[in-house]
C-alpha cells in the first residue's frame, strides 16, 4: 500500500484521535470556499499583487457572506503564486497548492488535529510566502506526516512552544 493509501486508512481507522484545527461549529458557523484559480475572474492581478488589497478582498468575502472562516482548495492550480518571484521562478514555477488554507480573524486559536512535535519554525518573509510558520511532525503508524501552520503572529516565533500552546498534544 502506498503512503497516500496508508494515510487514508489511518484516518479512517483513527477518527477518534483526530482533533479540530479551529473552533468551527458546524451548526452556527458558515464557510466561504475561495477559488484562487484563473477561473475566478473577479480576482484580478491588481488585487492579488497587493497584500493589503488581497487581504481586504478576503475579509470582504467573509463579511459579505456572513462566514466566520474561509477555506481554500487542496491541489488547486493557483495563478496567485505568479505575484511573487519567490514562487515564479524560471526553472519551475510553483502553481499547485499543496495544502488546505483556512482564513480566520487575527488572533483565532489554531490547534493541531494530531499528536506531534515541533519540527521547525521560521519567518518565511518573502513576498507572498507563509510568513511566521511552524511545522509539526506526526508519527502515524510508521508513516511520517508534516503539517504547516503559516501566517501566524510574529510573537509566536519568539517562543514556538508557548506560542503553540493552543495546539493539542504537542510533545515537549
N, C-alpha and C. Protein backbone atom coordinates (compact mmCIF):
# COMPACT_ATOMS: atom_id res chain seq x y z
N UNK A 1 0.84 -1.17 0.00
CA UNK A 1 0.00 0.00 0.00
C UNK A 1 0.90 1.25 0.00
N UNK A 2 0.61 2.20 -0.90
CA UNK A 2 1.43 3.41 -0.96
C UNK A 2 1.10 4.34 0.21
N UNK A 3 1.90 5.40 0.37
CA UNK A 3 1.77 6.29 1.53
C UNK A 3 0.40 6.97 1.58
N UNK A 4 -0.14 7.38 0.44
CA UNK A 4 -1.44 8.05 0.43
C UNK A 4 -2.54 7.09 0.90
N UNK A 5 -2.48 5.86 0.45
CA UNK A 5 -3.47 4.87 0.88
C UNK A 5 -3.32 4.55 2.36
N UNK A 6 -2.06 4.47 2.83
CA UNK A 6 -1.83 4.22 4.27
C UNK A 6 -2.35 5.37 5.12
N UNK A 7 -2.15 6.59 4.65
CA UNK A 7 -2.64 7.76 5.38
C UNK A 7 -4.17 7.76 5.41
N UNK A 8 -4.81 7.49 4.27
CA UNK A 8 -6.27 7.42 4.22
C UNK A 8 -6.79 6.34 5.17
N UNK A 9 -6.13 5.19 5.19
CA UNK A 9 -6.53 4.09 6.08
C UNK A 9 -6.36 4.51 7.54
N UNK A 10 -5.26 5.20 7.86
CA UNK A 10 -5.04 5.68 9.22
C UNK A 10 -6.17 6.60 9.65
N UNK A 11 -6.53 7.56 8.80
CA UNK A 11 -7.60 8.49 9.14
C UNK A 11 -8.94 7.77 9.31
N UNK A 12 -9.21 6.79 8.47
CA UNK A 12 -10.45 6.01 8.58
C UNK A 12 -10.49 5.22 9.87
N UNK A 13 -9.37 4.60 10.21
CA UNK A 13 -9.31 3.73 11.39
C UNK A 13 -9.15 4.48 12.71
N UNK A 14 -8.76 5.76 12.68
CA UNK A 14 -8.45 6.50 13.91
C UNK A 14 -9.20 7.82 14.02
N UNK A 15 -10.44 7.84 13.61
CA UNK A 15 -11.20 9.09 13.60
C UNK A 15 -11.28 9.73 14.98
N UNK A 16 -11.26 8.93 16.03
CA UNK A 16 -11.38 9.45 17.38
C UNK A 16 -10.16 10.22 17.87
N UNK A 17 -9.00 10.08 17.22
CA UNK A 17 -7.80 10.78 17.67
C UNK A 17 -7.51 12.03 16.84
N UNK A 18 -8.35 12.30 15.87
CA UNK A 18 -8.16 13.47 15.01
C UNK A 18 -8.99 14.62 15.56
N UNK A 19 -8.31 15.70 15.91
CA UNK A 19 -8.98 16.84 16.53
C UNK A 19 -9.27 17.95 15.54
N UNK A 20 -9.68 19.06 16.08
CA UNK A 20 -10.03 20.23 15.28
C UNK A 20 -8.79 21.06 14.96
N UNK A 21 -8.90 21.90 13.96
CA UNK A 21 -7.86 22.86 13.62
C UNK A 21 -8.24 24.25 14.13
N UNK A 22 -9.51 24.57 14.05
CA UNK A 22 -10.05 25.82 14.60
C UNK A 22 -11.36 25.49 15.31
N UNK A 23 -11.88 26.45 16.07
CA UNK A 23 -13.15 26.27 16.78
C UNK A 23 -14.32 26.48 15.83
N UNK A 24 -14.53 25.53 14.95
CA UNK A 24 -15.60 25.58 13.96
C UNK A 24 -16.84 24.88 14.52
N UNK A 25 -17.97 25.56 14.45
CA UNK A 25 -19.24 24.99 14.89
C UNK A 25 -20.08 24.76 13.64
N UNK A 26 -20.29 23.50 13.28
CA UNK A 26 -21.00 23.16 12.05
C UNK A 26 -22.44 23.65 12.05
N UNK A 27 -23.01 23.88 13.22
CA UNK A 27 -24.39 24.35 13.30
C UNK A 27 -24.48 25.86 13.05
N UNK A 28 -23.57 26.63 13.65
CA UNK A 28 -23.70 28.08 13.57
C UNK A 28 -22.70 28.79 12.66
N UNK A 29 -21.57 28.18 12.38
CA UNK A 29 -20.56 28.83 11.54
C UNK A 29 -20.76 28.48 10.07
N UNK A 30 -20.46 29.45 9.24
CA UNK A 30 -20.52 29.22 7.79
C UNK A 30 -19.11 29.32 7.23
N UNK A 31 -18.84 28.52 6.20
CA UNK A 31 -17.56 28.53 5.50
C UNK A 31 -17.74 29.21 4.15
N UNK A 32 -16.73 29.97 3.76
CA UNK A 32 -16.70 30.51 2.40
C UNK A 32 -15.60 29.77 1.66
N UNK A 33 -15.94 29.19 0.53
CA UNK A 33 -14.96 28.44 -0.27
C UNK A 33 -14.34 29.38 -1.29
N UNK A 34 -13.06 29.65 -1.10
CA UNK A 34 -12.34 30.53 -2.01
C UNK A 34 -11.83 29.77 -3.21
N UNK A 35 -11.94 30.39 -4.36
CA UNK A 35 -11.40 29.87 -5.60
C UNK A 35 -10.27 30.82 -6.01
N UNK A 36 -9.04 30.36 -5.90
CA UNK A 36 -7.90 31.21 -6.24
C UNK A 36 -7.24 30.78 -7.55
N UNK A 37 -8.04 30.23 -8.44
CA UNK A 37 -7.53 29.81 -9.74
C UNK A 37 -7.86 30.88 -10.79
N UNK A 38 -7.36 30.68 -12.00
CA UNK A 38 -7.60 31.61 -13.10
C UNK A 38 -9.08 31.68 -13.47
N UNK A 39 -9.86 30.66 -13.12
CA UNK A 39 -11.28 30.67 -13.45
C UNK A 39 -12.06 31.70 -12.64
N UNK A 40 -11.48 32.21 -11.57
CA UNK A 40 -12.14 33.24 -10.77
C UNK A 40 -11.79 34.60 -11.38
N UNK A 41 -12.64 35.07 -12.27
CA UNK A 41 -12.38 36.31 -12.99
C UNK A 41 -12.54 37.55 -12.10
N UNK A 42 -13.16 37.39 -10.94
CA UNK A 42 -13.31 38.51 -10.01
C UNK A 42 -11.98 38.87 -9.34
N UNK A 43 -11.09 37.90 -9.22
CA UNK A 43 -9.80 38.11 -8.57
C UNK A 43 -8.77 38.46 -9.64
N UNK A 44 -8.50 39.74 -9.82
CA UNK A 44 -7.59 40.18 -10.86
C UNK A 44 -6.17 40.36 -10.33
N UNK A 45 -5.24 40.56 -11.23
CA UNK A 45 -3.82 40.69 -10.88
C UNK A 45 -3.57 41.87 -9.96
N UNK A 46 -4.30 42.97 -10.13
CA UNK A 46 -4.12 44.13 -9.25
C UNK A 46 -4.47 43.77 -7.81
N UNK A 47 -5.47 42.94 -7.62
CA UNK A 47 -5.89 42.56 -6.27
C UNK A 47 -4.90 41.60 -5.64
N UNK A 48 -4.55 40.53 -6.34
CA UNK A 48 -3.67 39.55 -5.69
C UNK A 48 -2.20 39.94 -5.69
N UNK A 49 -1.85 41.03 -6.37
CA UNK A 49 -0.47 41.50 -6.34
C UNK A 49 -0.20 42.48 -5.19
N UNK A 50 -1.24 42.89 -4.50
CA UNK A 50 -1.13 43.85 -3.41
C UNK A 50 -1.65 43.18 -2.14
N UNK A 51 -0.78 42.92 -1.17
CA UNK A 51 -1.16 42.16 0.02
C UNK A 51 -2.31 42.82 0.77
N UNK A 52 -2.28 44.13 0.93
CA UNK A 52 -3.35 44.83 1.65
C UNK A 52 -4.67 44.70 0.90
N UNK A 53 -4.62 44.90 -0.39
CA UNK A 53 -5.84 44.80 -1.21
C UNK A 53 -6.37 43.37 -1.21
N UNK A 54 -5.48 42.39 -1.32
CA UNK A 54 -5.89 40.98 -1.30
C UNK A 54 -6.52 40.63 0.05
N UNK A 55 -5.90 41.08 1.15
CA UNK A 55 -6.45 40.81 2.49
C UNK A 55 -7.83 41.44 2.64
N UNK A 56 -7.99 42.64 2.11
CA UNK A 56 -9.30 43.30 2.16
C UNK A 56 -10.33 42.50 1.36
N UNK A 57 -9.94 42.00 0.20
CA UNK A 57 -10.82 41.20 -0.64
C UNK A 57 -11.27 39.95 0.12
N UNK A 58 -10.32 39.27 0.78
CA UNK A 58 -10.64 38.07 1.57
C UNK A 58 -11.63 38.44 2.68
N UNK A 59 -11.31 39.48 3.45
CA UNK A 59 -12.17 39.91 4.57
C UNK A 59 -13.57 40.29 4.09
N UNK A 60 -13.63 40.98 2.98
CA UNK A 60 -14.93 41.39 2.44
C UNK A 60 -15.76 40.19 2.02
N UNK A 61 -15.14 39.21 1.40
CA UNK A 61 -15.86 37.99 1.01
C UNK A 61 -16.44 37.29 2.24
N UNK A 62 -15.63 37.19 3.29
CA UNK A 62 -16.10 36.55 4.51
C UNK A 62 -17.26 37.35 5.12
N UNK A 63 -17.09 38.65 5.21
CA UNK A 63 -18.12 39.51 5.80
C UNK A 63 -19.40 39.51 4.97
N UNK A 64 -19.28 39.71 3.67
CA UNK A 64 -20.46 39.78 2.79
C UNK A 64 -21.26 38.48 2.81
N UNK A 65 -20.59 37.37 3.08
CA UNK A 65 -21.26 36.07 3.08
C UNK A 65 -21.52 35.54 4.49
N UNK A 66 -21.32 36.41 5.50
CA UNK A 66 -21.56 36.06 6.90
C UNK A 66 -20.85 34.76 7.29
N UNK A 67 -19.57 34.69 6.92
CA UNK A 67 -18.77 33.48 7.18
C UNK A 67 -17.68 33.78 8.20
N UNK A 68 -17.57 32.93 9.19
CA UNK A 68 -16.51 33.07 10.20
C UNK A 68 -15.17 32.61 9.65
N UNK A 69 -15.21 31.61 8.76
CA UNK A 69 -13.99 31.03 8.20
C UNK A 69 -14.10 30.93 6.69
N UNK A 70 -12.94 31.02 6.05
CA UNK A 70 -12.84 30.74 4.63
C UNK A 70 -11.92 29.56 4.46
N UNK A 71 -12.10 28.84 3.38
CA UNK A 71 -11.27 27.66 3.14
C UNK A 71 -10.82 27.68 1.68
N UNK A 72 -9.57 27.29 1.45
CA UNK A 72 -9.01 27.26 0.11
C UNK A 72 -8.61 25.85 -0.26
N UNK A 73 -8.62 25.56 -1.52
CA UNK A 73 -8.54 24.20 -2.01
C UNK A 73 -7.19 23.53 -2.11
N UNK A 74 -7.21 22.26 -1.78
CA UNK A 74 -6.05 21.38 -1.94
C UNK A 74 -5.93 21.02 -3.42
N UNK A 75 -4.70 21.03 -3.92
CA UNK A 75 -4.38 20.70 -5.31
C UNK A 75 -4.98 21.71 -6.30
N UNK A 76 -5.21 22.90 -5.84
CA UNK A 76 -5.74 23.96 -6.68
C UNK A 76 -4.59 24.57 -7.48
N UNK A 77 -4.79 24.79 -8.77
CA UNK A 77 -3.79 25.44 -9.61
C UNK A 77 -3.99 26.94 -9.44
N UNK A 78 -3.08 27.58 -8.67
CA UNK A 78 -3.25 28.97 -8.26
C UNK A 78 -2.37 29.93 -9.06
N UNK A 79 -3.02 30.72 -9.86
CA UNK A 79 -2.31 31.75 -10.60
C UNK A 79 -1.80 32.84 -9.66
N UNK A 80 -2.35 32.91 -8.47
CA UNK A 80 -1.94 33.92 -7.49
C UNK A 80 -0.45 33.82 -7.17
N UNK A 81 0.12 32.64 -7.30
CA UNK A 81 1.54 32.48 -6.99
C UNK A 81 2.45 33.25 -7.95
N UNK A 82 1.91 33.64 -9.08
CA UNK A 82 2.70 34.42 -10.04
C UNK A 82 3.04 35.81 -9.50
N UNK A 83 2.39 36.22 -8.42
CA UNK A 83 2.63 37.55 -7.84
C UNK A 83 3.98 37.65 -7.17
N UNK A 84 4.58 36.52 -6.84
CA UNK A 84 5.82 36.52 -6.07
C UNK A 84 6.96 35.86 -6.84
N UNK A 85 8.07 36.56 -6.96
CA UNK A 85 9.25 35.99 -7.60
C UNK A 85 9.74 34.76 -6.84
N UNK A 86 9.39 34.67 -5.57
CA UNK A 86 9.78 33.51 -4.76
C UNK A 86 9.19 32.22 -5.33
N UNK A 87 7.98 32.29 -5.86
CA UNK A 87 7.31 31.10 -6.42
C UNK A 87 7.35 31.08 -7.94
N UNK A 88 7.59 32.21 -8.56
CA UNK A 88 7.51 32.32 -10.02
C UNK A 88 8.91 32.26 -10.64
N UNK A 89 9.59 31.16 -10.41
CA UNK A 89 10.95 31.01 -10.92
C UNK A 89 10.93 30.54 -12.37
N UNK A 90 12.03 30.76 -13.08
CA UNK A 90 12.11 30.35 -14.48
C UNK A 90 12.16 28.84 -14.63
N UNK A 91 12.93 28.16 -13.76
CA UNK A 91 13.13 26.72 -13.94
C UNK A 91 11.89 25.90 -13.58
N UNK A 92 11.18 26.28 -12.53
CA UNK A 92 10.00 25.50 -12.16
C UNK A 92 9.04 26.38 -11.35
N UNK A 93 8.21 27.15 -12.05
CA UNK A 93 7.28 28.00 -11.31
C UNK A 93 6.27 27.16 -10.52
N UNK A 94 6.02 27.58 -9.30
CA UNK A 94 5.07 26.86 -8.45
C UNK A 94 3.68 27.44 -8.66
N UNK A 95 2.74 26.57 -8.95
CA UNK A 95 1.34 26.98 -9.12
C UNK A 95 0.39 26.05 -8.36
N UNK A 96 0.81 24.83 -8.07
CA UNK A 96 -0.07 23.85 -7.44
C UNK A 96 -0.08 24.04 -5.93
N UNK A 97 -1.25 24.24 -5.36
CA UNK A 97 -1.38 24.44 -3.92
C UNK A 97 -1.45 23.08 -3.23
N UNK A 98 -0.52 22.84 -2.31
CA UNK A 98 -0.39 21.52 -1.69
C UNK A 98 -0.90 21.48 -0.25
N UNK A 99 -1.90 22.26 0.04
CA UNK A 99 -2.45 22.27 1.39
C UNK A 99 -3.88 22.75 1.37
N UNK A 100 -4.44 22.91 2.55
CA UNK A 100 -5.77 23.47 2.71
C UNK A 100 -5.62 24.73 3.53
N UNK A 101 -6.02 25.86 2.98
CA UNK A 101 -5.96 27.13 3.69
C UNK A 101 -7.23 27.32 4.50
N UNK A 102 -7.05 27.89 5.68
CA UNK A 102 -8.19 28.31 6.50
C UNK A 102 -7.97 29.78 6.83
N UNK A 103 -8.92 30.62 6.43
CA UNK A 103 -8.85 32.05 6.75
C UNK A 103 -9.74 32.30 7.94
N UNK A 104 -9.23 33.09 8.87
CA UNK A 104 -9.99 33.46 10.07
C UNK A 104 -9.47 34.80 10.56
N UNK A 105 -10.19 35.37 11.49
CA UNK A 105 -9.78 36.65 12.06
C UNK A 105 -8.44 36.50 12.78
N UNK A 106 -7.65 37.56 12.76
CA UNK A 106 -6.38 37.56 13.50
C UNK A 106 -6.67 37.23 14.96
N UNK A 107 -5.80 36.42 15.55
CA UNK A 107 -5.95 36.03 16.94
C UNK A 107 -6.79 34.77 17.14
N UNK A 108 -7.32 34.20 16.07
CA UNK A 108 -8.10 32.97 16.18
C UNK A 108 -7.19 31.83 16.65
N UNK A 109 -7.58 31.12 17.72
CA UNK A 109 -6.76 29.97 18.15
C UNK A 109 -6.69 28.90 17.06
N UNK A 110 -5.50 28.31 16.91
CA UNK A 110 -5.26 27.25 15.94
C UNK A 110 -4.78 26.03 16.71
N UNK A 111 -5.27 24.86 16.32
CA UNK A 111 -4.95 23.62 17.02
C UNK A 111 -4.32 22.61 16.07
N UNK A 112 -3.52 21.73 16.61
CA UNK A 112 -3.02 20.62 15.83
C UNK A 112 -4.05 19.50 15.92
N UNK A 113 -4.50 18.98 14.80
CA UNK A 113 -5.51 17.91 14.85
C UNK A 113 -4.91 16.55 15.21
N UNK A 114 -3.58 16.48 15.26
CA UNK A 114 -2.90 15.21 15.54
C UNK A 114 -1.79 15.41 16.56
N UNK A 115 -1.50 14.39 17.31
CA UNK A 115 -0.37 14.40 18.24
C UNK A 115 0.91 14.61 17.42
N UNK A 116 1.81 15.45 17.90
CA UNK A 116 3.03 15.68 17.14
C UNK A 116 4.03 16.48 17.92
N UNK A 117 5.13 16.80 17.25
CA UNK A 117 6.17 17.62 17.87
C UNK A 117 6.58 18.70 16.87
N UNK A 118 7.16 19.78 17.42
CA UNK A 118 7.61 20.86 16.55
C UNK A 118 8.81 20.36 15.73
N UNK A 119 8.67 20.44 14.43
CA UNK A 119 9.74 20.06 13.51
C UNK A 119 10.63 21.26 13.22
N UNK A 120 10.00 22.41 12.92
CA UNK A 120 10.76 23.61 12.59
C UNK A 120 9.87 24.83 12.72
N UNK A 121 10.53 25.99 12.79
CA UNK A 121 9.80 27.26 12.81
C UNK A 121 10.68 28.31 12.19
N UNK A 122 10.03 29.25 11.48
CA UNK A 122 10.78 30.26 10.74
C UNK A 122 9.82 31.36 10.28
N UNK A 123 10.36 32.55 10.12
CA UNK A 123 9.59 33.61 9.49
C UNK A 123 9.95 33.59 8.00
N UNK A 124 9.09 33.04 7.21
CA UNK A 124 9.28 32.99 5.76
C UNK A 124 8.76 34.31 5.20
N UNK A 125 9.63 35.33 5.22
CA UNK A 125 9.19 36.69 4.97
C UNK A 125 9.35 37.16 3.52
N UNK A 126 9.47 36.23 2.58
CA UNK A 126 9.45 36.62 1.17
C UNK A 126 8.04 37.10 0.81
N UNK A 127 7.96 38.00 -0.16
CA UNK A 127 6.65 38.48 -0.61
C UNK A 127 5.82 37.29 -1.10
N UNK A 128 4.61 37.15 -0.56
CA UNK A 128 3.71 36.07 -0.97
C UNK A 128 3.98 34.75 -0.27
N UNK A 129 4.94 34.71 0.65
CA UNK A 129 5.31 33.46 1.33
C UNK A 129 4.44 33.27 2.58
N UNK A 130 4.77 32.27 3.39
CA UNK A 130 3.95 31.87 4.54
C UNK A 130 4.06 32.78 5.75
N UNK A 131 5.03 33.68 5.78
CA UNK A 131 5.22 34.50 6.97
C UNK A 131 5.67 33.63 8.14
N UNK A 132 5.35 34.05 9.37
CA UNK A 132 5.72 33.24 10.53
C UNK A 132 5.06 31.86 10.45
N UNK A 133 5.89 30.82 10.49
CA UNK A 133 5.43 29.46 10.22
C UNK A 133 5.99 28.49 11.25
N UNK A 134 5.15 27.56 11.67
CA UNK A 134 5.58 26.44 12.49
C UNK A 134 5.15 25.17 11.78
N UNK A 135 6.08 24.22 11.63
CA UNK A 135 5.77 22.92 11.05
C UNK A 135 5.85 21.86 12.14
N UNK A 136 4.89 20.96 12.12
CA UNK A 136 4.85 19.87 13.09
C UNK A 136 5.10 18.55 12.38
N UNK A 137 5.68 17.62 13.12
CA UNK A 137 5.92 16.27 12.61
C UNK A 137 5.03 15.31 13.40
N UNK A 138 4.34 14.45 12.68
CA UNK A 138 3.43 13.48 13.28
C UNK A 138 3.86 12.07 12.87
N UNK A 139 3.90 11.16 13.81
CA UNK A 139 4.19 9.76 13.53
C UNK A 139 2.88 8.99 13.62
N UNK A 140 2.43 8.45 12.50
CA UNK A 140 1.13 7.78 12.42
C UNK A 140 1.34 6.35 11.93
N UNK A 141 1.50 5.42 12.84
CA UNK A 141 1.68 4.01 12.46
C UNK A 141 2.78 3.84 11.41
N UNK A 142 3.98 4.27 11.73
CA UNK A 142 5.14 4.16 10.84
C UNK A 142 5.01 5.00 9.56
N UNK A 143 4.18 5.99 9.60
CA UNK A 143 4.04 6.92 8.49
C UNK A 143 4.29 8.32 9.06
N UNK A 144 5.22 9.04 8.48
CA UNK A 144 5.52 10.39 8.95
C UNK A 144 4.72 11.40 8.13
N UNK A 145 4.05 12.30 8.83
CA UNK A 145 3.25 13.34 8.20
C UNK A 145 3.68 14.68 8.80
N UNK A 146 3.76 15.70 7.97
CA UNK A 146 4.10 17.04 8.43
C UNK A 146 2.90 17.96 8.18
N UNK A 147 2.63 18.83 9.15
CA UNK A 147 1.61 19.86 8.96
C UNK A 147 2.28 21.21 9.13
N UNK A 148 1.83 22.17 8.35
CA UNK A 148 2.42 23.50 8.34
C UNK A 148 1.35 24.51 8.75
N UNK A 149 1.73 25.39 9.66
CA UNK A 149 0.83 26.45 10.13
C UNK A 149 1.51 27.77 9.81
N UNK A 150 0.99 28.47 8.82
CA UNK A 150 1.61 29.69 8.36
C UNK A 150 0.75 30.91 8.63
N UNK A 151 1.32 32.06 8.36
CA UNK A 151 0.66 33.35 8.56
C UNK A 151 0.28 33.55 10.03
N UNK A 152 1.14 33.05 10.91
CA UNK A 152 0.93 33.21 12.35
C UNK A 152 1.42 34.59 12.77
N UNK A 153 1.20 34.94 14.02
CA UNK A 153 1.74 36.21 14.50
C UNK A 153 3.25 36.04 14.71
N UNK A 154 4.00 37.10 14.54
CA UNK A 154 5.45 37.04 14.75
C UNK A 154 5.79 36.71 16.20
N UNK A 155 4.91 37.07 17.13
CA UNK A 155 5.12 36.73 18.54
C UNK A 155 5.19 35.22 18.74
N UNK A 156 4.50 34.47 17.92
CA UNK A 156 4.50 33.01 18.03
C UNK A 156 5.91 32.45 17.90
N UNK A 157 6.72 33.07 17.05
CA UNK A 157 8.06 32.54 16.81
C UNK A 157 9.04 32.89 17.91
N UNK A 158 8.71 33.86 18.76
CA UNK A 158 9.61 34.20 19.86
C UNK A 158 9.76 33.03 20.82
N UNK A 159 8.71 32.27 21.00
CA UNK A 159 8.71 31.07 21.84
C UNK A 159 7.72 30.11 21.22
N UNK A 160 8.15 29.32 20.23
CA UNK A 160 7.21 28.48 19.48
C UNK A 160 6.38 27.55 20.35
N UNK A 161 6.97 26.95 21.37
CA UNK A 161 6.20 26.04 22.20
C UNK A 161 5.12 26.81 22.97
N UNK A 162 5.48 27.97 23.51
CA UNK A 162 4.49 28.79 24.20
C UNK A 162 3.46 29.31 23.21
N UNK A 163 3.92 29.73 22.04
CA UNK A 163 3.02 30.25 21.01
C UNK A 163 2.08 29.20 20.49
N UNK A 164 2.49 27.97 20.53
CA UNK A 164 1.65 26.89 20.03
C UNK A 164 0.95 26.16 21.16
N UNK A 165 0.87 26.77 22.34
CA UNK A 165 0.23 26.11 23.47
C UNK A 165 -1.21 25.73 23.15
N UNK A 166 -1.80 26.44 22.20
CA UNK A 166 -3.15 26.12 21.79
C UNK A 166 -3.21 24.80 21.02
N UNK A 167 -2.08 24.42 20.42
CA UNK A 167 -2.08 23.18 19.65
C UNK A 167 -2.18 21.98 20.58
N UNK A 168 -3.06 21.10 20.25
CA UNK A 168 -3.32 19.95 21.10
C UNK A 168 -2.18 18.94 21.01
N UNK A 169 -1.86 18.36 22.13
CA UNK A 169 -0.99 17.18 22.23
C UNK A 169 0.41 17.36 21.66
N UNK A 170 1.00 18.52 21.84
CA UNK A 170 2.39 18.69 21.41
C UNK A 170 3.33 18.02 22.40
N UNK A 171 4.34 17.39 21.88
CA UNK A 171 5.38 16.82 22.74
C UNK A 171 6.33 17.92 23.17
N UNK A 172 6.86 17.84 24.37
CA UNK A 172 7.81 18.84 24.86
C UNK A 172 9.18 18.58 24.27
